[in-house]
Amino acid sequence: MRQIYFYFMLTLIIISCDNKEDVNSKTQALNNPTQTYIINGDIEYISEITDGSKPKKPILVYDIPNYSDNNNTASKSSEQSTFLNFHYGLYNPTKSGCTITRYLDSGKSFETDLGVYGPNPYPQINGYLVRGFGVPHQNPYYGALVLIASNKGRKVNTRRGVMEENQKRGSAISIEFPFAKNVSYEITIRTKFHDNRYLIDKKYSDGYPTVYVQLKDDGIITLPNLRDQNQDPCERKDLNEIGRSGIDNYKRSYTPDNGVEAIKDISFKFSPIIEKKALLVSLHPKMRTEGYGAIPINGHTMIILSITITEKPFDSSVNVNIPEPVRRRYTID
């Protein structure tokens, strides 16, 4: 009897493996081939091929920035500020644990950790430790720190038929900084958003990315913020549920409301009532709610020139009162 059971289970395992390989092959067949484009030497954008042609070697595209900055701060404040300069900033090897592929005009490529942020902290110009997720890095052409976010549809063959799911990616940086309790802070990011889909495909992205800004207990970009404990911070995958749900006095968000590409200051206010030790800035693509509507195809680069952290008098009005959880009392008769 045991021998029969063994052969039965072995047959099921073989069938299961065959089905898995079959699903993978069907998944590949369902999706169109893709062409990789490299923007400004190291920013990867993947475009779907729909004209029947075959993929080529990565195609180099250049986007020369125009930094006519008319959004200067009107006046200096007497309040204490910390200025983190990412504009033409760090280009030294960081040994951060992540590398990036850079391409020369000849088409040749090489791996480097020059100006790349990863899980190992690296001191920013004025000494604050910076970590990265999804390979944020200093781009030589933009002369600034860049975060990348994108999404496109991916067809999968399931038992219920052909389904389309989000194939998304995002990136983030964290900066260790002592946020004291009972002090208010205004965090201002000088930035510019580029529509990579329009640059490559001449079609505007479906929707705009969302920036989440959080005060954290440490600078490590990992659980409980990420679901997958095995997620590699150097892979260009999505950040899962960082900042997406719940009411939190240590979390803010911003989504552009148009595609105008101009340098702008976006500001976030916090009034911590407990000490926090790090600032997290993450960029997420526009996604479809699972099972509803078409997959929004989008791809953006967030160019960060600087981050300014300004201390202000404590203002509790920016906080939302979060009720204490109701504790049930049980009595024994």
Protein backbone atom coordinates (compact mmCIF):
# COMPACT_ATOMS: atom_id res chain seq x y z
CA MET A 1 0.00 0.00 0.00
CA ARG A 2 2.81 2.37 0.89
CA GLN A 3 4.51 1.62 -2.42
CA ILE A 4 1.34 2.51 -4.34
CA TYR A 5 0.97 5.76 -2.34
CA PHE A 6 4.60 6.67 -3.10
CA TYR A 7 4.16 6.24 -6.86
CA PHE A 8 0.89 8.19 -6.72
CA MET A 9 2.53 11.16 -4.98
CA LEU A 10 5.54 11.02 -7.33
CA THR A 11 3.18 11.18 -10.32
CA LEU A 12 1.42 14.24 -8.84
CA ILE A 13 4.74 16.02 -8.28
CA ILE A 14 5.86 15.36 -11.87
CA ILE A 15 2.53 16.56 -13.26
CA SER A 16 2.71 19.67 -11.06
CA CYS A 17 6.22 20.50 -12.31
CA ASP A 18 5.15 19.93 -15.92
CA ASN A 19 2.15 22.21 -15.42
CA LYS A 20 4.37 24.90 -13.89
CA GLU A 21 6.77 24.78 -16.83
CA ASP A 22 3.80 24.83 -19.20
CA VAL A 23 2.34 27.90 -17.48
CA ASN A 24 5.72 29.67 -17.64
CA SER A 25 6.07 28.94 -21.34
CA LYS A 26 2.50 30.07 -21.99
CA THR A 27 3.15 33.24 -20.00
CA GLN A 28 6.16 34.02 -22.17
CA ALA A 29 4.18 33.32 -25.33
CA LEU A 30 1.30 35.55 -24.21
CA ASN A 31 3.47 38.65 -23.81
CA ASN A 32 5.03 40.64 -26.65
CA PRO A 33 8.83 40.86 -26.81
CA THR A 34 10.42 43.95 -25.29
CA GLN A 35 13.17 46.38 -26.22
CA THR A 36 15.46 47.88 -23.58
CA TYR A 37 16.34 51.56 -23.83
CA ILE A 38 19.07 53.22 -21.74
CA ILE A 39 18.37 56.87 -20.91
CA ASN A 40 21.40 59.04 -20.13
CA GLY A 41 23.76 56.13 -19.81
CA ASP A 42 22.17 54.22 -16.90
CA ILE A 43 18.38 54.70 -16.60
CA GLU A 44 16.65 51.59 -17.94
CA TYR A 45 13.27 51.77 -19.68
CA ILE A 46 11.65 48.66 -21.20
CA SER A 47 9.23 49.16 -24.10
CA GLU A 48 6.89 46.56 -25.60
CA ILE A 49 7.49 45.65 -29.28
CA THR A 50 4.20 45.57 -31.19
CA ASP A 51 5.33 45.79 -34.83
CA GLY A 52 6.65 42.23 -35.10
CA SER A 53 10.33 43.21 -35.06
CA LYS A 54 12.91 41.44 -32.91
CA PRO A 55 14.64 42.96 -29.87
CA LYS A 56 18.00 44.60 -30.43
CA LYS A 57 20.87 45.40 -28.12
CA PRO A 58 20.02 48.16 -25.60
CA ILE A 59 19.37 51.39 -27.48
CA LEU A 60 20.99 54.52 -26.03
CA VAL A 61 18.80 57.62 -25.68
CA TYR A 62 19.85 60.96 -24.23
CA ASP A 63 17.68 63.49 -22.44
CA ILE A 64 19.67 66.67 -21.92
CA PRO A 65 18.20 68.60 -18.97
CA ASN A 66 17.34 72.27 -18.95
CA TYR A 67 17.81 73.60 -15.44
CA SER A 68 16.30 77.05 -15.84
CA ASP A 69 15.23 77.22 -12.23
CA ASN A 70 12.68 79.98 -11.63
CA ASN A 71 11.47 78.48 -8.39
CA ASN A 72 14.09 79.88 -6.03
CA THR A 73 13.28 80.34 -2.37
CA ALA A 74 12.15 83.93 -1.84
CA SER A 75 14.06 84.54 1.38
CA LYS A 76 16.18 82.79 3.95
CA SER A 77 14.57 81.80 7.22
CA SER A 78 16.02 82.32 10.68
CA GLU A 79 14.82 78.83 11.58
CA GLN A 80 17.40 76.06 11.72
CA SER A 81 17.67 74.14 8.43
CA THR A 82 19.69 71.20 7.16
CA PHE A 83 20.40 71.26 3.43
CA LEU A 84 21.14 67.94 1.71
CA ASN A 85 22.60 68.68 -1.69
CA PHE A 86 22.13 65.99 -4.37
CA HIS A 87 22.64 68.46 -7.23
CA TYR A 88 25.94 67.51 -8.89
CA GLY A 89 26.64 65.59 -5.72
CA LEU A 90 28.26 62.27 -4.94
CA TYR A 91 30.12 60.44 -7.71
CA ASN A 92 32.54 58.38 -5.63
CA PRO A 93 32.36 54.59 -5.22
CA THR A 94 29.94 54.00 -2.34
CA LYS A 95 30.49 50.28 -1.59
CA SER A 96 26.79 50.38 -0.79
CA GLY A 97 26.18 46.78 -1.82
CA CYS A 98 24.57 47.64 -5.18
CA THR A 99 25.99 48.31 -8.62
CA ILE A 100 24.57 49.77 -11.80
CA THR A 101 25.28 49.11 -15.48
CA ARG A 102 26.54 52.18 -17.30
CA TYR A 103 26.83 52.42 -21.09
CA LEU A 104 29.39 54.30 -23.15
CA ASP A 105 28.57 56.02 -26.45
CA SER A 106 30.22 53.07 -28.18
CA GLY A 107 27.57 50.77 -26.73
CA LYS A 108 29.99 49.02 -24.40
CA SER A 109 28.85 48.64 -20.80
CA PHE A 110 30.45 48.21 -17.39
CA GLU A 111 29.33 47.63 -13.80
CA THR A 112 30.06 50.27 -11.18
CA ASP A 113 28.99 51.36 -7.71
CA LEU A 114 29.92 54.96 -8.46
CA GLY A 115 27.26 57.13 -6.84
CA VAL A 116 24.93 54.16 -6.28
CA TYR A 117 22.96 53.78 -3.03
CA GLY A 118 22.19 50.36 -1.57
CA PRO A 119 21.61 48.60 1.77
CA ASN A 120 25.00 49.58 3.20
CA PRO A 121 24.85 53.17 4.47
CA TYR A 122 27.04 55.77 2.79
CA PRO A 123 27.62 59.31 4.09
CA GLN A 124 26.07 62.08 2.04
CA ILE A 125 28.18 65.22 1.47
CA ASN A 126 27.39 66.69 4.89
CA GLY A 127 27.73 63.38 6.73
CA TYR A 128 24.18 61.99 7.00
CA LEU A 129 23.98 58.27 6.19
CA VAL A 130 22.01 57.36 3.07
CA ARG A 131 20.67 53.95 1.98
CA GLY A 132 18.83 52.92 -1.17
CA PHE A 133 16.36 50.40 -2.55
CA GLY A 134 15.86 49.73 -6.28
CA VAL A 135 19.24 51.24 -7.23
CA PRO A 136 18.74 55.01 -6.75
CA HIS A 137 21.88 56.71 -7.99
CA GLN A 138 23.53 59.92 -9.15
CA ASN A 139 22.98 60.34 -12.88
CA PRO A 140 25.83 62.27 -14.57
CA TYR A 141 23.58 63.87 -17.22
CA TYR A 142 20.87 65.05 -14.84
CA GLY A 143 23.57 65.95 -12.31
CA ALA A 144 21.31 64.77 -9.51
CA LEU A 145 19.92 61.80 -7.60
CA VAL A 146 17.33 59.80 -9.55
CA LEU A 147 14.52 57.50 -8.40
CA ILE A 148 12.71 55.33 -10.97
CA ALA A 149 9.13 53.99 -11.04
CA SER A 150 7.28 52.16 -13.83
CA ASN A 151 4.41 49.78 -14.51
CA LYS A 152 3.14 47.78 -17.46
CA GLY A 153 0.79 44.87 -18.02
CA ARG A 154 1.89 41.26 -17.97
CA LYS A 155 -0.42 38.48 -19.18
CA VAL A 156 -0.50 35.26 -17.18
CA ASN A 157 -2.27 32.03 -18.09
CA THR A 158 -4.21 30.78 -15.06
CA ARG A 159 -6.91 28.18 -14.44
CA ARG A 160 -9.46 30.97 -14.78
CA GLY A 161 -8.06 31.97 -18.16
CA VAL A 162 -5.67 34.68 -19.32
CA MET A 163 -5.24 37.34 -16.65
CA GLU A 164 -3.31 40.62 -16.79
CA GLU A 165 -1.39 41.81 -13.77
CA ASN A 166 0.72 44.81 -12.79
CA GLN A 167 4.42 44.43 -13.53
CA LYS A 168 5.71 47.26 -11.41
CA ARG A 169 8.92 48.64 -10.00
CA GLY A 170 9.90 51.47 -7.70
CA SER A 171 12.83 52.86 -5.74
CA ALA A 172 13.59 54.66 -2.49
CA ILE A 173 16.25 56.30 -0.33
CA SER A 174 16.49 56.68 3.42
CA ILE A 175 18.50 59.31 5.30
CA GLU A 176 19.40 58.92 8.96
CA PHE A 177 18.42 62.15 10.72
CA PRO A 178 17.55 62.92 14.39
CA PHE A 179 13.91 64.06 14.46
CA ALA A 180 13.22 65.24 18.02
CA LYS A 181 9.82 64.92 19.66
CA ASN A 182 7.62 67.98 20.17
CA VAL A 183 9.34 69.82 17.33
CA SER A 184 7.73 70.42 13.93
CA TYR A 185 9.62 69.84 10.69
CA GLU A 186 9.06 70.99 7.15
CA ILE A 187 10.71 68.73 4.58
CA THR A 188 11.13 70.30 1.14
CA ILE A 189 12.24 68.27 -1.87
CA ARG A 190 13.45 70.20 -4.90
CA THR A 191 12.62 67.90 -7.76
CA LYS A 192 11.57 67.36 -11.35
CA PHE A 193 9.57 64.49 -12.88
CA HIS A 194 10.38 63.09 -16.35
CA ASP A 195 7.96 60.96 -18.35
CA ASN A 196 10.16 58.17 -19.70
CA ARG A 197 7.34 56.59 -21.68
CA TYR A 198 6.82 59.79 -23.65
CA LEU A 199 10.55 60.13 -24.21
CA ILE A 200 10.75 56.62 -25.73
CA ASP A 201 7.30 55.71 -27.08
CA LYS A 202 6.00 59.25 -27.72
CA LYS A 203 2.93 58.37 -25.66
CA TYR A 204 2.19 60.03 -22.35
CA SER A 205 2.19 57.76 -19.32
CA ASP A 206 -1.13 56.56 -17.97
CA GLY A 207 -1.22 58.48 -14.72
CA TYR A 208 1.52 59.87 -12.50
CA PRO A 209 3.76 58.38 -9.82
CA THR A 210 3.25 58.89 -6.09
CA VAL A 211 5.98 60.02 -3.70
CA TYR A 212 5.72 58.80 -0.11
CA VAL A 213 7.69 60.55 2.62
CA GLN A 214 7.96 58.93 6.05
CA LEU A 215 9.71 59.42 9.37
CA LYS A 216 11.04 56.08 10.58
CA ASP A 217 12.67 54.54 13.62
CA ASP A 218 15.76 53.58 11.60
CA GLY A 219 17.22 53.97 8.12
CA ILE A 220 16.93 50.33 7.08
CA ILE A 221 14.56 49.86 4.13
CA THR A 222 13.18 46.44 5.02
CA LEU A 223 10.51 44.70 7.08
CA PRO A 224 7.98 45.61 8.36
CA ASN A 225 7.79 47.90 5.30
CA LEU A 226 8.37 45.09 2.84
CA ARG A 227 6.34 41.89 2.70
CA ASP A 228 8.99 39.72 1.10
CA GLN A 229 11.86 39.02 3.49
CA ASN A 230 13.96 37.73 0.59
CA GLN A 231 13.48 40.79 -1.58
CA ASP A 232 16.83 42.00 -2.90
CA PRO A 233 17.25 45.78 -2.40
CA CYS A 234 19.44 45.85 -5.52
CA GLU A 235 16.73 44.40 -7.77
CA ARG A 236 14.51 46.83 -9.60
CA LYS A 237 11.22 45.61 -8.19
CA ASP A 238 8.28 47.37 -6.64
CA LEU A 239 8.37 48.46 -3.02
CA ASN A 240 5.17 46.58 -2.20
CA GLU A 241 3.16 48.24 0.55
CA ILE A 242 5.54 50.97 1.75
CA GLY A 243 3.34 53.91 2.65
CA ARG A 244 0.21 52.81 0.82
CA SER A 245 -2.39 52.19 3.53
CA GLY A 246 -3.58 53.39 6.91
CA ILE A 247 -3.56 56.71 8.75
CA ASP A 248 -0.14 57.58 10.05
CA ASN A 249 1.15 60.85 11.46
CA TYR A 250 4.62 59.95 10.21
CA LYS A 251 3.66 59.44 6.57
CA ARG A 252 2.78 61.89 3.78
CA SER A 253 2.32 61.57 0.02
CA TYR A 254 2.37 63.65 -3.15
CA THR A 255 1.17 62.86 -6.70
CA PRO A 256 1.72 65.32 -9.59
CA ASP A 257 -1.54 66.48 -11.16
CA ASN A 258 -0.09 67.21 -14.62
CA GLY A 259 2.77 66.27 -16.91
CA VAL A 260 4.52 69.64 -16.92
CA GLU A 261 8.25 68.98 -16.57
CA ALA A 262 9.55 71.79 -14.40
CA ILE A 263 11.63 72.06 -11.26
CA LYS A 264 9.36 72.43 -8.25
CA ASP A 265 9.53 72.36 -4.47
CA ILE A 266 7.21 69.86 -2.79
CA SER A 267 6.86 70.18 0.98
CA PHE A 268 5.67 67.93 3.79
CA LYS A 269 5.05 68.86 7.44
CA PHE A 270 5.50 66.59 10.46
CA SER A 271 5.09 67.11 14.20
CA PRO A 272 6.53 64.00 15.87
CA ILE A 273 5.48 63.29 19.45
CA ILE A 274 8.11 60.55 19.72
CA GLU A 275 11.69 60.59 18.45
CA LYS A 276 12.28 59.40 14.89
CA LYS A 277 15.68 58.62 13.42
CA ALA A 278 15.36 58.53 9.63
CA LEU A 279 13.61 60.00 6.60
CA LEU A 280 12.34 57.65 3.87
CA VAL A 281 11.49 58.92 0.37
CA SER A 282 9.96 56.34 -1.98
CA LEU A 283 8.59 56.56 -5.53
CA HIS A 284 5.73 54.30 -6.69
CA PRO A 285 4.15 53.90 -10.14
CA LYS A 286 0.47 54.26 -11.00
CA MET A 287 -1.11 50.82 -10.69
CA ARG A 288 -4.41 49.19 -11.45
CA THR A 289 -6.53 47.97 -8.59
CA GLU A 290 -6.35 44.21 -9.04
CA GLY A 291 -9.14 43.00 -11.30
CA TYR A 292 -10.49 46.43 -12.28
CA GLY A 293 -9.84 48.26 -15.56
CA ALA A 294 -6.82 48.29 -17.83
CA ILE A 295 -3.23 48.19 -16.58
CA PRO A 296 -1.86 51.77 -16.60
CA ILE A 297 1.38 51.85 -18.61
CA ASN A 298 3.70 54.44 -17.11
CA GLY A 299 7.34 55.16 -16.43
CA HIS A 300 8.88 58.13 -14.64
CA THR A 301 12.19 59.40 -13.35
CA MET A 302 12.12 61.58 -10.23
CA ILE A 303 15.15 63.87 -10.28
CA ILE A 304 16.04 65.01 -6.75
CA LEU A 305 18.28 68.07 -6.61
CA SER A 306 18.13 68.66 -2.86
CA ILE A 307 16.24 67.94 0.36
CA THR A 308 15.89 70.62 3.04
CA ILE A 309 14.80 69.78 6.60
CA THR A 310 13.68 72.85 8.56
CA GLU A 311 12.86 72.91 12.29
CA LYS A 312 9.80 74.93 13.29
CA PRO A 313 7.81 75.60 16.48
CA PHE A 314 5.70 72.61 17.45
CA ASP A 315 2.34 72.56 15.66
CA SER A 316 0.05 69.73 16.73
CA SER A 317 -2.61 70.65 14.16
CA VAL A 318 -0.83 68.64 11.45
CA ASN A 319 -1.44 65.44 13.43
CA VAL A 320 -4.57 63.33 13.27
CA ASN A 321 -5.98 61.89 16.46
CA ILE A 322 -5.82 58.13 16.21
CA PRO A 323 -8.20 56.50 18.70
CA GLU A 324 -6.84 53.88 21.03
CA PRO A 325 -7.91 50.32 20.14
CA VAL A 326 -10.90 49.15 22.14
CA ARG A 327 -9.94 46.48 24.61
CA ARG A 328 -12.66 44.04 25.47
CA ARG A 329 -13.04 43.00 29.06
CA TYR A 330 -14.16 39.51 29.86
CA THR A 331 -15.70 38.63 33.21
CA ILE A 332 -16.03 35.21 34.67
CA ASP A 333 -19.26 34.59 36.56
